[in-house]
């Protein structure tokens, strides 16, 4: 049912274009391929079985995910480049019956998954965390259709896979366009590669999705020279974009006769949950907008509704909210534990007109190149590369993450280790050796002191 709702285009409309050979796949052909692959997957997984897809930005990975949704087989989506030991640890924790995209043995034998469970996404990028978000098929469809409505996506739109599809925002781009009968240009070339822009020009892309790091890179390129005139819609999520860049790319989009959408998202609600209408720019630069159709955002202070512009805890309600978290196979048997209400872990305020303005995180996460990274898990990865007992603390540092290590440290080696383990570029990690970490009376690192300028 989920896959059918995500493949809503006319039979002869183009659903996917493979940038490697310019092969166009119609909705009719994609539906047939997904149905056949889904039948094979269901037979391999068995009742209550689980599939892992280690995905790249390729047609095969998209078909694998859609096939699982079509067959009613819960599918966990991971980065194909995940380090072998981290991938093996996930396999051991979740015991999938089927694995696609990596040559790994599937042990199977776990408890049957809940019948509503459809999609499992990582909560913290590429650190190999066992903590996954449990999403129902209804949540996947609800968010895809809400985003299509909020952004005005329809047949004739063409969007490239400018973000990894294992990332919730990247998958949301694919799902929302397919749900609207639009076209996805499937490419694994990066934004700075000639191949990416050549494919965009050949196939007349109409929109481009990016995280803050994407727009930092685009600011160094001549977009008018690289991009076709058909590119008129820009979308941004995955963390706060600098106001100057919002204003700049708003002007770029308007000059092209188009629009810039600034958005806010949570993997726990199947990706994007708020959209700032382009008409509100530049007047409301810094706001992430209002909730997507069919959902709501509010701010609470000590359990009560906040007054306009009073800062408190951001709460999202809607049909795309996750069923709950999982850390092992047994958790997949659980049903919906949140009832459509998500405490986002963010703090913010809602103004008198109903627009949300974020004021920071209430938990230990940071965004690096648009990927949400659990800082506690990053510390554990760093500690594994340091002498036994070495203390390390990770804190946000603007667009990067700062790692403070007690005693001597080979900064270059630690950056390389973290890049290899997370799949994120080493330039995002700032490594410092300090004599001693500031600590609280409990003995835990004093992160606020470390975060201070």
Foldseek 3Di string as FASTA:
>chain_A
DLLCLLQPADQAAFAEAELVVRDTAGSVRLVVLLCVLLVVVCVQQDALFAEEEQDFLGPVSVSNLSSQQVNQHAYEYHHLLADPVLVVVLQVFAQGSYYHSDPDDRRDDFDRFASQWHYWADQFARLSALKIFTWGSQLQSVLLCLVCVVQVAAAPAEEEQQDTCSALVSVSVSRNNSSRNYYYYGDRDHPPDLSVLVSCQVVVHAEYEFEQVNLVVVVVDDCVVRHDLNHQEYEYELDAHPLVSVQVVQVVNVVSVHFYWYFYFGVQLSTTFAIQGRVCPPVPRQWRHAGGPFKHKFFDDPRHGDDAFDKHWIKIFGSSGTQDIDNGNVVSHDGRDQNRIDRRQWIWGAHPVGITHTDGGNAQWDGARSTIHRQVSLQVQLCVVDPPPWHWGWDDDVNAIEIETADDDDLVVSLVSSCSNRVGHSVRYHYYYDNDFPADPVRHGPRVVVRDD
